[in-house]
Amino acid sequence: MPRILLAEDDPAVRSFVESALTHRGHEVAAVEDGLQALETLGSRQDFDLLITDIVMPGLDGIGLALRVARDLPDLPILLMTGYSAEKQRAHNLDELIARVVVKPFSLKEICDAAEESLVG
């Protein structure tokens, strides 16, 4: 069963994505921001995918992606955003991330993107 770390500051979106991925058979650890994601990765580095929002307090998704790409280069990263300017920032990281999913998205869209990222 693939293990996914989800970092999303909006509780409704976090719950929505966590439920959708769990329903598809994935084991999901959900955290509120990039700092908690780093802490979780530091204590358990056996994740198969990182899904993170770009705009979050503390450490945003771009900063998180850069640190994870440096420290865990084999961990695929999927970014989520509802902001077009942030989507452009993410495209500057094409070599480091698997994909950017634009909010609002459907359950099928986020699950399909996660599963595509898992298979590479």
PDB file of N, CA and C in Angstrom:
ATOM      1  N   MET A   1       0.849  -1.182   0.000  1.00  0.00           N
ATOM      2  CA  MET A   1       0.000   0.000   0.000  1.00  0.00           C
ATOM      3  C   MET A   1       0.894   1.244   0.000  1.00  0.00           C
ATOM      4  N   PRO A   2       0.764   2.102  -1.011  1.00  0.00           N
ATOM      5  CA  PRO A   2       1.577   3.322  -1.067  1.00  0.00           C
ATOM      6  C   PRO A   2       1.292   4.250   0.121  1.00  0.00           C
ATOM      7  N   ARG A   3       2.370   4.837   0.629  1.00  0.00           N
ATOM      8  CA  ARG A   3       2.270   5.793   1.737  1.00  0.00           C
ATOM      9  C   ARG A   3       2.474   7.202   1.197  1.00  0.00           C
ATOM     10  N   ILE A   4       1.507   8.071   1.501  1.00  0.00           N
ATOM     11  CA  ILE A   4       1.532   9.441   0.987  1.00  0.00           C
ATOM     12  C   ILE A   4       1.548  10.415   2.159  1.00  0.00           C
ATOM     13  N   LEU A   5       2.439  11.407   2.071  1.00  0.00           N
ATOM     14  CA  LEU A   5       2.447  12.504   3.029  1.00  0.00           C
ATOM     15  C   LEU A   5       1.755  13.681   2.369  1.00  0.00           C
ATOM     16  N   LEU A   6       0.730  14.201   3.038  1.00  0.00           N
ATOM     17  CA  LEU A   6      -0.073  15.317   2.534  1.00  0.00           C
ATOM     18  C   LEU A   6       0.138  16.529   3.431  1.00  0.00           C
ATOM     19  N   ALA A   7       0.581  17.642   2.858  1.00  0.00           N
ATOM     20  CA  ALA A   7       0.756  18.896   3.596  1.00  0.00           C
ATOM     21  C   ALA A   7      -0.197  19.931   3.009  1.00  0.00           C
ATOM     22  N   GLU A   8      -1.183  20.336   3.797  1.00  0.00           N
ATOM     23  CA  GLU A   8      -2.224  21.273   3.344  1.00  0.00           C
ATOM     24  C   GLU A   8      -2.740  22.030   4.558  1.00  0.00           C
ATOM     25  N   ASP A   9      -2.715  23.363   4.505  1.00  0.00           N
ATOM     26  CA  ASP A   9      -3.121  24.157   5.662  1.00  0.00           C
ATOM     27  C   ASP A   9      -4.636  24.323   5.792  1.00  0.00           C
ATOM     28  N   ASP A  10      -5.379  24.155   4.718  1.00  0.00           N
ATOM     29  CA  ASP A  10      -6.835  24.288   4.777  1.00  0.00           C
ATOM     30  C   ASP A  10      -7.438  22.959   5.244  1.00  0.00           C
ATOM     31  N   PRO A  11      -8.082  22.959   6.421  1.00  0.00           N
ATOM     32  CA  PRO A  11      -8.607  21.699   6.965  1.00  0.00           C
ATOM     33  C   PRO A  11      -9.606  20.996   6.044  1.00  0.00           C
ATOM     34  N   ALA A  12     -10.439  21.753   5.346  1.00  0.00           N
ATOM     35  CA  ALA A  12     -11.435  21.130   4.463  1.00  0.00           C
ATOM     36  C   ALA A  12     -10.755  20.445   3.280  1.00  0.00           C
ATOM     37  N   VAL A  13      -9.793  21.111   2.661  1.00  0.00           N
ATOM     38  CA  VAL A  13      -9.085  20.518   1.530  1.00  0.00           C
ATOM     39  C   VAL A  13      -8.262  19.322   1.999  1.00  0.00           C
ATOM     40  N   ARG A  14      -7.602  19.477   3.144  1.00  0.00           N
ATOM     41  CA  ARG A  14      -6.794  18.375   3.689  1.00  0.00           C
ATOM     42  C   ARG A  14      -7.657  17.143   3.919  1.00  0.00           C
ATOM     43  N   SER A  15      -8.813  17.321   4.513  1.00  0.00           N
ATOM     44  CA  SER A  15      -9.728  16.208   4.784  1.00  0.00           C
ATOM     45  C   SER A  15     -10.256  15.596   3.485  1.00  0.00           C
ATOM     46  N   PHE A  16     -10.608  16.435   2.536  1.00  0.00           N
ATOM     47  CA  PHE A  16     -11.121  16.007   1.234  1.00  0.00           C
ATOM     48  C   PHE A  16     -10.097  15.122   0.519  1.00  0.00           C
ATOM     49  N   VAL A  17      -8.853  15.600   0.441  1.00  0.00           N
ATOM     50  CA  VAL A  17      -7.803  14.867  -0.264  1.00  0.00           C
ATOM     51  C   VAL A  17      -7.434  13.592   0.495  1.00  0.00           C
ATOM     52  N   GLU A  18      -7.317  13.700   1.807  1.00  0.00           N
ATOM     53  CA  GLU A  18      -6.978  12.520   2.617  1.00  0.00           C
ATOM     54  C   GLU A  18      -8.032  11.426   2.456  1.00  0.00           C
ATOM     55  N   SER A  19      -9.300  11.805   2.508  1.00  0.00           N
ATOM     56  CA  SER A  19     -10.386  10.829   2.354  1.00  0.00           C
ATOM     57  C   SER A  19     -10.380  10.189   0.971  1.00  0.00           C
ATOM     58  N   ALA A  20     -10.169  11.002  -0.049  1.00  0.00           N
ATOM     59  CA  ALA A  20     -10.166  10.488  -1.418  1.00  0.00           C
ATOM     60  C   ALA A  20      -9.038   9.481  -1.627  1.00  0.00           C
ATOM     61  N   LEU A  21      -7.848   9.821  -1.152  1.00  0.00           N
ATOM     62  CA  LEU A  21      -6.703   8.928  -1.327  1.00  0.00           C
ATOM     63  C   LEU A  21      -6.832   7.658  -0.496  1.00  0.00           C
ATOM     64  N   THR A  22      -7.363   7.792   0.704  1.00  0.00           N
ATOM     65  CA  THR A  22      -7.573   6.630   1.558  1.00  0.00           C
ATOM     66  C   THR A  22      -8.587   5.684   0.921  1.00  0.00           C
ATOM     67  N   HIS A  23      -9.631   6.265   0.351  1.00  0.00           N
ATOM     68  CA  HIS A  23     -10.663   5.465  -0.323  1.00  0.00           C
ATOM     69  C   HIS A  23     -10.075   4.679  -1.502  1.00  0.00           C
ATOM     70  N   ARG A  24      -9.040   5.228  -2.130  1.00  0.00           N
ATOM     71  CA  ARG A  24      -8.377   4.557  -3.248  1.00  0.00           C
ATOM     72  C   ARG A  24      -7.334   3.543  -2.787  1.00  0.00           C
ATOM     73  N   GLY A  25      -7.188   3.373  -1.456  1.00  0.00           N
ATOM     74  CA  GLY A  25      -6.290   2.347  -0.953  1.00  0.00           C
ATOM     75  C   GLY A  25      -4.908   2.813  -0.540  1.00  0.00           C
ATOM     76  N   HIS A  26      -4.727   4.121  -0.432  1.00  0.00           N
ATOM     77  CA  HIS A  26      -3.436   4.653  -0.025  1.00  0.00           C
ATOM     78  C   HIS A  26      -3.423   4.911   1.486  1.00  0.00           C
ATOM     79  N   GLU A  27      -2.261   4.797   2.089  1.00  0.00           N
ATOM     80  CA  GLU A  27      -2.093   5.168   3.486  1.00  0.00           C
ATOM     81  C   GLU A  27      -1.623   6.616   3.492  1.00  0.00           C
ATOM     82  N   VAL A  28      -2.361   7.497   4.178  1.00  0.00           N
ATOM     83  CA  VAL A  28      -2.084   8.926   4.127  1.00  0.00           C
ATOM     84  C   VAL A  28      -1.774   9.463   5.518  1.00  0.00           C
ATOM     85  N   ALA A  29      -0.672  10.210   5.616  1.00  0.00           N
ATOM     86  CA  ALA A  29      -0.353  10.980   6.809  1.00  0.00           C
ATOM     87  C   ALA A  29      -0.567  12.438   6.426  1.00  0.00           C
ATOM     88  N   ALA A  30      -1.462  13.128   7.115  1.00  0.00           N
ATOM     89  CA  ALA A  30      -1.798  14.509   6.764  1.00  0.00           C
ATOM     90  C   ALA A  30      -1.286  15.464   7.834  1.00  0.00           C
ATOM     91  N   VAL A  31      -0.630  16.546   7.365  1.00  0.00           N
ATOM     92  CA  VAL A  31      -0.104  17.568   8.268  1.00  0.00           C
ATOM     93  C   VAL A  31      -0.556  18.938   7.781  1.00  0.00           C
ATOM     94  N   GLU A  32      -0.410  19.950   8.668  1.00  0.00           N
ATOM     95  CA  GLU A  32      -0.948  21.279   8.394  1.00  0.00           C
ATOM     96  C   GLU A  32      -0.038  22.216   7.616  1.00  0.00           C
ATOM     97  N   ASP A  33       1.267  21.949   7.577  1.00  0.00           N
ATOM     98  CA  ASP A  33       2.160  22.876   6.886  1.00  0.00           C
ATOM     99  C   ASP A  33       3.485  22.211   6.540  1.00  0.00           C
ATOM    100  N   GLY A  34       4.334  22.978   5.876  1.00  0.00           N
ATOM    101  CA  GLY A  34       5.616  22.460   5.430  1.00  0.00           C
ATOM    102  C   GLY A  34       6.554  22.081   6.559  1.00  0.00           C
ATOM    103  N   LEU A  35       6.520  22.831   7.651  1.00  0.00           N
ATOM    104  CA  LEU A  35       7.384  22.511   8.788  1.00  0.00           C
ATOM    105  C   LEU A  35       7.010  21.171   9.405  1.00  0.00           C
ATOM    106  N   GLN A  36       5.699  20.920   9.547  1.00  0.00           N
ATOM    107  CA  GLN A  36       5.258  19.623  10.062  1.00  0.00           C
ATOM    108  C   GLN A  36       5.605  18.505   9.084  1.00  0.00           C
ATOM    109  N   ALA A  37       5.544  18.801   7.797  1.00  0.00           N
ATOM    110  CA  ALA A  37       5.905  17.794   6.789  1.00  0.00           C
ATOM    111  C   ALA A  37       7.377  17.413   6.923  1.00  0.00           C
ATOM    112  N   LEU A  38       8.249  18.403   7.089  1.00  0.00           N
ATOM    113  CA  LEU A  38       9.671  18.110   7.266  1.00  0.00           C
ATOM    114  C   LEU A  38       9.910  17.278   8.515  1.00  0.00           C
ATOM    115  N   GLU A  39       9.216  17.637   9.588  1.00  0.00           N
ATOM    116  CA  GLU A  39       9.343  16.879  10.838  1.00  0.00           C
ATOM    117  C   GLU A  39       8.897  15.433  10.638  1.00  0.00           C
ATOM    118  N   THR A  40       7.795  15.244   9.954  1.00  0.00           N
ATOM    119  CA  THR A  40       7.276  13.900   9.690  1.00  0.00           C
ATOM    120  C   THR A  40       8.233  13.108   8.801  1.00  0.00           C
ATOM    121  N   LEU A  41       8.757  13.746   7.789  1.00  0.00           N
ATOM    122  CA  LEU A  41       9.723  13.077   6.909  1.00  0.00           C
ATOM    123  C   LEU A  41      10.996  12.720   7.665  1.00  0.00           C
ATOM    124  N   GLY A  42      11.387  13.557   8.602  1.00  0.00           N
ATOM    125  CA  GLY A  42      12.585  13.296   9.383  1.00  0.00           C
ATOM    126  C   GLY A  42      12.449  12.113  10.313  1.00  0.00           C
ATOM    127  N   SER A  43      11.231  11.891  10.789  1.00  0.00           N
ATOM    128  CA  SER A  43      11.020  10.779  11.717  1.00  0.00           C
ATOM    129  C   SER A  43      10.682   9.475  10.992  1.00  0.00           C
ATOM    130  N   ARG A  44      10.076   9.579   9.805  1.00  0.00           N
ATOM    131  CA  ARG A  44       9.689   8.393   9.029  1.00  0.00           C
ATOM    132  C   ARG A  44       9.920   8.693   7.565  1.00  0.00           C
ATOM    133  N   GLN A  45      10.971   8.178   7.006  1.00  0.00           N
ATOM    134  CA  GLN A  45      11.300   8.491   5.626  1.00  0.00           C
ATOM    135  C   GLN A  45      10.847   7.398   4.661  1.00  0.00           C
ATOM    136  N   ASP A  46       9.774   6.726   4.981  1.00  0.00           N
ATOM    137  CA  ASP A  46       9.312   5.637   4.129  1.00  0.00           C
ATOM    138  C   ASP A  46       8.063   6.008   3.325  1.00  0.00           C
ATOM    139  N   PHE A  47       7.980   7.267   2.900  1.00  0.00           N
ATOM    140  CA  PHE A  47       6.843   7.695   2.089  1.00  0.00           C
ATOM    141  C   PHE A  47       7.141   7.460   0.617  1.00  0.00           C
ATOM    142  N   ASP A  48       6.081   7.224  -0.143  1.00  0.00           N
ATOM    143  CA  ASP A  48       6.198   6.988  -1.571  1.00  0.00           C
ATOM    144  C   ASP A  48       5.879   8.232  -2.394  1.00  0.00           C
ATOM    145  N   LEU A  49       5.230   9.236  -1.751  1.00  0.00           N
ATOM    146  CA  LEU A  49       4.822  10.451  -2.456  1.00  0.00           C
ATOM    147  C   LEU A  49       4.580  11.559  -1.445  1.00  0.00           C
ATOM    148  N   LEU A  50       4.971  12.785  -1.820  1.00  0.00           N
ATOM    149  CA  LEU A  50       4.634  13.986  -1.060  1.00  0.00           C
ATOM    150  C   LEU A  50       3.668  14.798  -1.898  1.00  0.00           C
ATOM    151  N   ILE A  51       2.513  15.135  -1.313  1.00  0.00           N
ATOM    152  CA  ILE A  51       1.562  16.043  -1.946  1.00  0.00           C
ATOM    153  C   ILE A  51       1.505  17.271  -1.052  1.00  0.00           C
ATOM    154  N   THR A  52       1.770  18.442  -1.626  1.00  0.00           N
ATOM    155  CA  THR A  52       1.780  19.647  -0.816  1.00  0.00           C
ATOM    156  C   THR A  52       1.124  20.824  -1.524  1.00  0.00           C
ATOM    157  N   ASP A  53       0.422  21.614  -0.722  1.00  0.00           N
ATOM    158  CA  ASP A  53      -0.093  22.887  -1.193  1.00  0.00           C
ATOM    159  C   ASP A  53       1.104  23.807  -1.367  1.00  0.00           C
ATOM    160  N   ILE A  54       1.005  24.777  -2.246  1.00  0.00           N
ATOM    161  CA  ILE A  54       2.107  25.721  -2.401  1.00  0.00           C
ATOM    162  C   ILE A  54       2.020  26.819  -1.351  1.00  0.00           C
ATOM    163  N   VAL A  55       0.844  27.425  -1.178  1.00  0.00           N
ATOM    164  CA  VAL A  55       0.703  28.552  -0.255  1.00  0.00           C
ATOM    165  C   VAL A  55       0.290  28.036   1.121  1.00  0.00           C
ATOM    166  N   MET A  56       1.246  28.101   2.062  1.00  0.00           N
ATOM    167  CA  MET A  56       1.008  27.682   3.446  1.00  0.00           C
ATOM    168  C   MET A  56       1.844  28.585   4.359  1.00  0.00           C
ATOM    169  N   PRO A  57       1.401  28.751   5.595  1.00  0.00           N
ATOM    170  CA  PRO A  57       2.219  29.527   6.540  1.00  0.00           C
ATOM    171  C   PRO A  57       3.468  28.750   6.945  1.00  0.00           C
ATOM    172  N   GLY A  58       4.434  29.450   7.485  1.00  0.00           N
ATOM    173  CA  GLY A  58       5.663  28.793   7.922  1.00  0.00           C
ATOM    174  C   GLY A  58       6.548  28.499   6.733  1.00  0.00           C
ATOM    175  N   LEU A  59       6.566  27.272   6.305  1.00  0.00           N
ATOM    176  CA  LEU A  59       7.338  26.841   5.136  1.00  0.00           C
ATOM    177  C   LEU A  59       6.349  26.507   4.028  1.00  0.00           C
ATOM    178  N   ASP A  60       6.409  27.253   2.925  1.00  0.00           N
ATOM    179  CA  ASP A  60       5.449  27.001   1.847  1.00  0.00           C
ATOM    180  C   ASP A  60       5.848  25.764   1.039  1.00  0.00           C
ATOM    181  N   GLY A  61       4.986  25.388   0.108  1.00  0.00           N
ATOM    182  CA  GLY A  61       5.207  24.170  -0.662  1.00  0.00           C
ATOM    183  C   GLY A  61       6.426  24.212  -1.560  1.00  0.00           C
ATOM    184  N   ILE A  62       6.780  25.396  -2.059  1.00  0.00           N
ATOM    185  CA  ILE A  62       7.975  25.519  -2.902  1.00  0.00           C
ATOM    186  C   ILE A  62       9.224  25.275  -2.052  1.00  0.00           C
ATOM    187  N   GLY A  63       9.271  25.917  -0.886  1.00  0.00           N
ATOM    188  CA  GLY A  63      10.407  25.705   0.019  1.00  0.00           C
ATOM    189  C   GLY A  63      10.504  24.259   0.459  1.00  0.00           C
ATOM    190  N   LEU A  64       9.356  23.663   0.754  1.00  0.00           N
ATOM    191  CA  LEU A  64       9.322  22.258   1.141  1.00  0.00           C
ATOM    192  C   LEU A  64       9.823  21.377  -0.006  1.00  0.00           C
ATOM    193  N   ALA A  65       9.352  21.642  -1.217  1.00  0.00           N
ATOM    194  CA  ALA A  65       9.759  20.840  -2.378  1.00  0.00           C
ATOM    195  C   ALA A  65      11.272  20.936  -2.595  1.00  0.00           C
ATOM    196  N   LEU A  66      11.828  22.121  -2.450  1.00  0.00           N
ATOM    197  CA  LEU A  66      13.269  22.291  -2.642  1.00  0.00           C
ATOM    198  C   LEU A  66      14.066  21.494  -1.614  1.00  0.00           C
ATOM    199  N   ARG A  67      13.626  21.522  -0.362  1.00  0.00           N
ATOM    200  CA  ARG A  67      14.338  20.785   0.689  1.00  0.00           C
ATOM    201  C   ARG A  67      14.189  19.276   0.511  1.00  0.00           C
ATOM    202  N   VAL A  68      12.991  18.847   0.167  1.00  0.00           N
ATOM    203  CA  VAL A  68      12.759  17.414  -0.025  1.00  0.00           C
ATOM    204  C   VAL A  68      13.534  16.911  -1.243  1.00  0.00           C
ATOM    205  N   ALA A  69      13.540  17.677  -2.326  1.00  0.00           N
ATOM    206  CA  ALA A  69      14.277  17.266  -3.518  1.00  0.00           C
ATOM    207  C   ALA A  69      15.769  17.130  -3.216  1.00  0.00           C
ATOM    208  N   ARG A  70      16.283  17.984  -2.341  1.00  0.00           N
ATOM    209  CA  ARG A  70      17.697  17.921  -1.969  1.00  0.00           C
ATOM    210  C   ARG A  70      17.975  16.720  -1.054  1.00  0.00           C
ATOM    211  N   ASP A  71      17.111  16.523  -0.042  1.00  0.00           N
ATOM    212  CA  ASP A  71      17.355  15.501   0.979  1.00  0.00           C
ATOM    213  C   ASP A  71      16.834  14.116   0.608  1.00  0.00           C
ATOM    214  N   LEU A  72      15.749  14.053  -0.146  1.00  0.00           N
ATOM    215  CA  LEU A  72      15.129  12.783  -0.544  1.00  0.00           C
ATOM    216  C   LEU A  72      14.840  12.819  -2.050  1.00  0.00           C
ATOM    217  N   PRO A  73      15.868  12.803  -2.867  1.00  0.00           N
ATOM    218  CA  PRO A  73      15.677  13.013  -4.306  1.00  0.00           C
ATOM    219  C   PRO A  73      14.810  11.968  -5.007  1.00  0.00           C
ATOM    220  N   ASP A  74      14.610  10.812  -4.409  1.00  0.00           N
ATOM    221  CA  ASP A  74      13.779   9.782  -5.035  1.00  0.00           C
ATOM    222  C   ASP A  74      12.301   9.889  -4.673  1.00  0.00           C
ATOM    223  N   LEU A  75      11.940  10.829  -3.787  1.00  0.00           N
ATOM    224  CA  LEU A  75      10.543  10.988  -3.369  1.00  0.00           C
ATOM    225  C   LEU A  75       9.822  11.899  -4.361  1.00  0.00           C
ATOM    226  N   PRO A  76       8.830  11.373  -5.095  1.00  0.00           N
ATOM    227  CA  PRO A  76       8.065  12.222  -6.016  1.00  0.00           C
ATOM    228  C   PRO A  76       7.278  13.282  -5.240  1.00  0.00           C
ATOM    229  N   ILE A  77       7.141  14.456  -5.859  1.00  0.00           N
ATOM    230  CA  ILE A  77       6.444  15.584  -5.232  1.00  0.00           C
ATOM    231  C   ILE A  77       5.339  16.053  -6.166  1.00  0.00           C
ATOM    232  N   LEU A  78       4.130  16.162  -5.618  1.00  0.00           N
ATOM    233  CA  LEU A  78       2.966  16.668  -6.344  1.00  0.00           C
ATOM    234  C   LEU A  78       2.534  17.955  -5.641  1.00  0.00           C
ATOM    235  N   LEU A  79       2.453  19.048  -6.388  1.00  0.00           N
ATOM    236  CA  LEU A  79       2.054  20.334  -5.811  1.00  0.00           C
ATOM    237  C   LEU A  79       0.607  20.647  -6.149  1.00  0.00           C
ATOM    238  N   MET A  80      -0.056  21.331  -5.208  1.00  0.00           N
ATOM    239  CA  MET A  80      -1.431  21.801  -5.409  1.00  0.00           C
ATOM    240  C   MET A  80      -1.450  23.313  -5.225  1.00  0.00           C
ATOM    241  N   THR A  81      -2.224  24.015  -6.046  1.00  0.00           N
ATOM    242  CA  THR A  81      -2.365  25.452  -5.859  1.00  0.00           C
ATOM    243  C   THR A  81      -3.663  25.964  -6.455  1.00  0.00           C
ATOM    244  N   GLY A  82      -4.140  27.047  -5.895  1.00  0.00           N
ATOM    245  CA  GLY A  82      -5.293  27.752  -6.425  1.00  0.00           C
ATOM    246  C   GLY A  82      -4.903  29.110  -6.961  1.00  0.00           C
ATOM    247  N   TYR A  83      -3.606  29.406  -6.997  1.00  0.00           N
ATOM    248  CA  TYR A  83      -3.110  30.719  -7.392  1.00  0.00           C
ATOM    249  C   TYR A  83      -2.264  30.606  -8.655  1.00  0.00           C
ATOM    250  N   SER A  84      -2.632  31.358  -9.693  1.00  0.00           N
ATOM    251  CA  SER A  84      -1.918  31.255 -10.966  1.00  0.00           C
ATOM    252  C   SER A  84      -0.461  31.692 -10.848  1.00  0.00           C
ATOM    253  N   ALA A  85      -0.172  32.707 -10.052  1.00  0.00           N
ATOM    254  CA  ALA A  85       1.222  33.148  -9.890  1.00  0.00           C
ATOM    255  C   ALA A  85       2.058  32.055  -9.236  1.00  0.00           C
ATOM    256  N   GLU A  86       1.468  31.343  -8.293  1.00  0.00           N
ATOM    257  CA  GLU A  86       2.181  30.260  -7.623  1.00  0.00           C
ATOM    258  C   GLU A  86       2.377  29.073  -8.570  1.00  0.00           C
ATOM    259  N   LYS A  87       1.411  28.869  -9.450  1.00  0.00           N
ATOM    260  CA  LYS A  87       1.564  27.786 -10.432  1.00  0.00           C
ATOM    261  C   LYS A  87       2.768  28.074 -11.324  1.00  0.00           C
ATOM    262  N   GLN A  88       2.955  29.337 -11.703  1.00  0.00           N
ATOM    263  CA  GLN A  88       4.116  29.695 -12.523  1.00  0.00           C
ATOM    264  C   GLN A  88       5.413  29.455 -11.761  1.00  0.00           C
ATOM    265  N   ARG A  89       5.450  29.815 -10.475  1.00  0.00           N
ATOM    266  CA  ARG A  89       6.638  29.536  -9.663  1.00  0.00           C
ATOM    267  C   ARG A  89       6.941  28.042  -9.646  1.00  0.00           C
ATOM    268  N   ALA A  90       5.907  27.234  -9.567  1.00  0.00           N
ATOM    269  CA  ALA A  90       6.085  25.787  -9.525  1.00  0.00           C
ATOM    270  C   ALA A  90       6.640  25.261 -10.848  1.00  0.00           C
ATOM    271  N   HIS A  91       6.231  25.843 -11.958  1.00  0.00           N
ATOM    272  CA  HIS A  91       6.721  25.370 -13.252  1.00  0.00           C
ATOM    273  C   HIS A  91       8.213  25.628 -13.417  1.00  0.00           C
ATOM    274  N   ASN A  92       8.756  26.539 -12.630  1.00  0.00           N
ATOM    275  CA  ASN A  92      10.196  26.753 -12.648  1.00  0.00           C
ATOM    276  C   ASN A  92      10.932  25.589 -11.980  1.00  0.00           C
ATOM    277  N   LEU A  93      10.191  24.664 -11.367  1.00  0.00           N
ATOM    278  CA  LEU A  93      10.761  23.513 -10.675  1.00  0.00           C
ATOM    279  C   LEU A  93      10.455  22.209 -11.408  1.00  0.00           C
ATOM    280  N   ASP A  94      10.192  22.284 -12.695  1.00  0.00           N
ATOM    281  CA  ASP A  94       9.762  21.114 -13.468  1.00  0.00           C
ATOM    282  C   ASP A  94      10.620  19.871 -13.248  1.00  0.00           C
ATOM    283  N   GLU A  95      11.912  20.057 -13.065  1.00  0.00           N
ATOM    284  CA  GLU A  95      12.786  18.897 -12.886  1.00  0.00           C
ATOM    285  C   GLU A  95      12.630  18.252 -11.515  1.00  0.00           C
ATOM    286  N   LEU A  96      12.069  18.990 -10.552  1.00  0.00           N
ATOM    287  CA  LEU A  96      11.975  18.488  -9.179  1.00  0.00           C
ATOM    288  C   LEU A  96      10.614  17.926  -8.823  1.00  0.00           C
ATOM    289  N   ILE A  97       9.585  18.327  -9.551  1.00  0.00           N
ATOM    290  CA  ILE A  97       8.233  17.922  -9.178  1.00  0.00           C
ATOM    291  C   ILE A  97       7.600  17.057 -10.257  1.00  0.00           C
ATOM    292  N   ALA A  98       6.675  16.209  -9.811  1.00  0.00           N
ATOM    293  CA  ALA A  98       5.985  15.323 -10.748  1.00  0.00           C
ATOM    294  C   ALA A  98       4.897  16.073 -11.520  1.00  0.00           C
ATOM    295  N   ARG A  99       4.193  16.971 -10.803  1.00  0.00           N
ATOM    296  CA  ARG A  99       3.038  17.623 -11.426  1.00  0.00           C
ATOM    297  C   ARG A  99       2.506  18.719 -10.522  1.00  0.00           C
ATOM    298  N   VAL A 100       1.739  19.661 -11.119  1.00  0.00           N
ATOM    299  CA  VAL A 100       1.016  20.680 -10.372  1.00  0.00           C
ATOM    300  C   VAL A 100      -0.464  20.483 -10.658  1.00  0.00           C
ATOM    301  N   VAL A 101      -1.263  20.354  -9.606  1.00  0.00           N
ATOM    302  CA  VAL A 101      -2.708  20.208  -9.740  1.00  0.00           C
ATOM    303  C   VAL A 101      -3.345  21.519  -9.292  1.00  0.00           C
ATOM    304  N   VAL A 102      -4.224  22.059 -10.134  1.00  0.00           N
ATOM    305  CA  VAL A 102      -4.836  23.350  -9.864  1.00  0.00           C
ATOM    306  C   VAL A 102      -6.167  23.162  -9.145  1.00  0.00           C
ATOM    307  N   LYS A 103      -6.343  23.919  -8.050  1.00  0.00           N
ATOM    308  CA  LYS A 103      -7.604  23.929  -7.308  1.00  0.00           C
ATOM    309  C   LYS A 103      -8.571  24.859  -8.015  1.00  0.00           C
ATOM    310  N   PRO A 104      -9.852  24.588  -7.996  1.00  0.00           N
ATOM    311  CA  PRO A 104     -10.468  23.410  -7.384  1.00  0.00           C
ATOM    312  C   PRO A 104     -10.302  22.197  -8.296  1.00  0.00           C
ATOM    313  N   PHE A 105     -10.132  21.046  -7.679  1.00  0.00           N
ATOM    314  CA  PHE A 105     -10.001  19.802  -8.427  1.00  0.00           C
ATOM    315  C   PHE A 105     -11.017  18.810  -7.895  1.00  0.00           C
ATOM    316  N   SER A 106     -11.291  17.793  -8.709  1.00  0.00           N
ATOM    317  CA  SER A 106     -12.229  16.749  -8.301  1.00  0.00           C
ATOM    318  C   SER A 106     -11.474  15.643  -7.567  1.00  0.00           C
ATOM    319  N   LEU A 107     -12.221  14.782  -6.913  1.00  0.00           N
ATOM    320  CA  LEU A 107     -11.609  13.618  -6.269  1.00  0.00           C
ATOM    321  C   LEU A 107     -10.838  12.788  -7.287  1.00  0.00           C
ATOM    322  N   LYS A 108     -11.431  12.590  -8.439  1.00  0.00           N
ATOM    323  CA  LYS A 108     -10.779  11.794  -9.481  1.00  0.00           C
ATOM    324  C   LYS A 108      -9.479  12.449  -9.941  1.00  0.00           C
ATOM    325  N   GLU A 109      -9.502  13.768 -10.138  1.00  0.00           N
ATOM    326  CA  GLU A 109      -8.296  14.461 -10.612  1.00  0.00           C
ATOM    327  C   GLU A 109      -7.128  14.317  -9.634  1.00  0.00           C
ATOM    328  N   ILE A 110      -7.376  14.526  -8.347  1.00  0.00           N
ATOM    329  CA  ILE A 110      -6.273  14.458  -7.386  1.00  0.00           C
ATOM    330  C   ILE A 110      -5.790  13.020  -7.215  1.00  0.00           C
ATOM    331  N   CYS A 111      -6.717  12.080  -7.220  1.00  0.00           N
ATOM    332  CA  CYS A 111      -6.320  10.670  -7.091  1.00  0.00           C
ATOM    333  C   CYS A 111      -5.546  10.197  -8.323  1.00  0.00           C
ATOM    334  N   ASP A 112      -6.011  10.570  -9.509  1.00  0.00           N
ATOM    335  CA  ASP A 112      -5.306  10.192 -10.733  1.00  0.00           C
ATOM    336  C   ASP A 112      -3.909  10.809 -10.771  1.00  0.00           C
ATOM    337  N   ALA A 113      -3.798  12.075 -10.365  1.00  0.00           N
ATOM    338  CA  ALA A 113      -2.494  12.739 -10.350  1.00  0.00           C
ATOM    339  C   ALA A 113      -1.553  12.057  -9.364  1.00  0.00           C
ATOM    340  N   ALA A 114      -2.074  11.685  -8.203  1.00  0.00           N
ATOM    341  CA  ALA A 114      -1.253  10.990  -7.199  1.00  0.00           C
ATOM    342  C   ALA A 114      -0.777   9.648  -7.746  1.00  0.00           C
ATOM    343  N   GLU A 115      -1.679   8.899  -8.332  1.00  0.00           N
ATOM    344  CA  GLU A 115      -1.322   7.579  -8.844  1.00  0.00           C
ATOM    345  C   GLU A 115      -0.348   7.664 -10.012  1.00  0.00           C
ATOM    346  N   GLU A 116      -0.496   8.660 -10.867  1.00  0.00           N
ATOM    347  CA  GLU A 116       0.470   8.871 -11.969  1.00  0.00           C
ATOM    348  C   GLU A 116       1.844   9.230 -11.401  1.00  0.00           C
ATOM    349  N   SER A 117       1.869  10.030 -10.337  1.00  0.00           N
ATOM    350  CA  SER A 117       3.139  10.415  -9.713  1.00  0.00           C
ATOM    351  C   SER A 117       3.817   9.231  -9.048  1.00  0.00           C
ATOM    352  N   LEU A 118       3.036   8.331  -8.520  1.00  0.00           N
ATOM    353  CA  LEU A 118       3.593   7.146  -7.862  1.00  0.00           C
ATOM    354  C   LEU A 118       4.275   6.207  -8.841  1.00  0.00           C
ATOM    355  N   VAL A 119       3.761   6.110 -10.044  1.00  0.00           N
ATOM    356  CA  VAL A 119       4.354   5.204 -11.028  1.00  0.00           C
ATOM    357  C   VAL A 119       5.459   5.871 -11.833  1.00  0.00           C
ATOM    358  N   GLY A 120       5.592   7.179 -11.668  1.00  0.00           N
ATOM    359  CA  GLY A 120       6.693   7.888 -12.331  1.00  0.00           C
ATOM    360  C   GLY A 120       6.335   8.300 -13.689  1.00  0.00           C
TER     361      GLY A 120
END
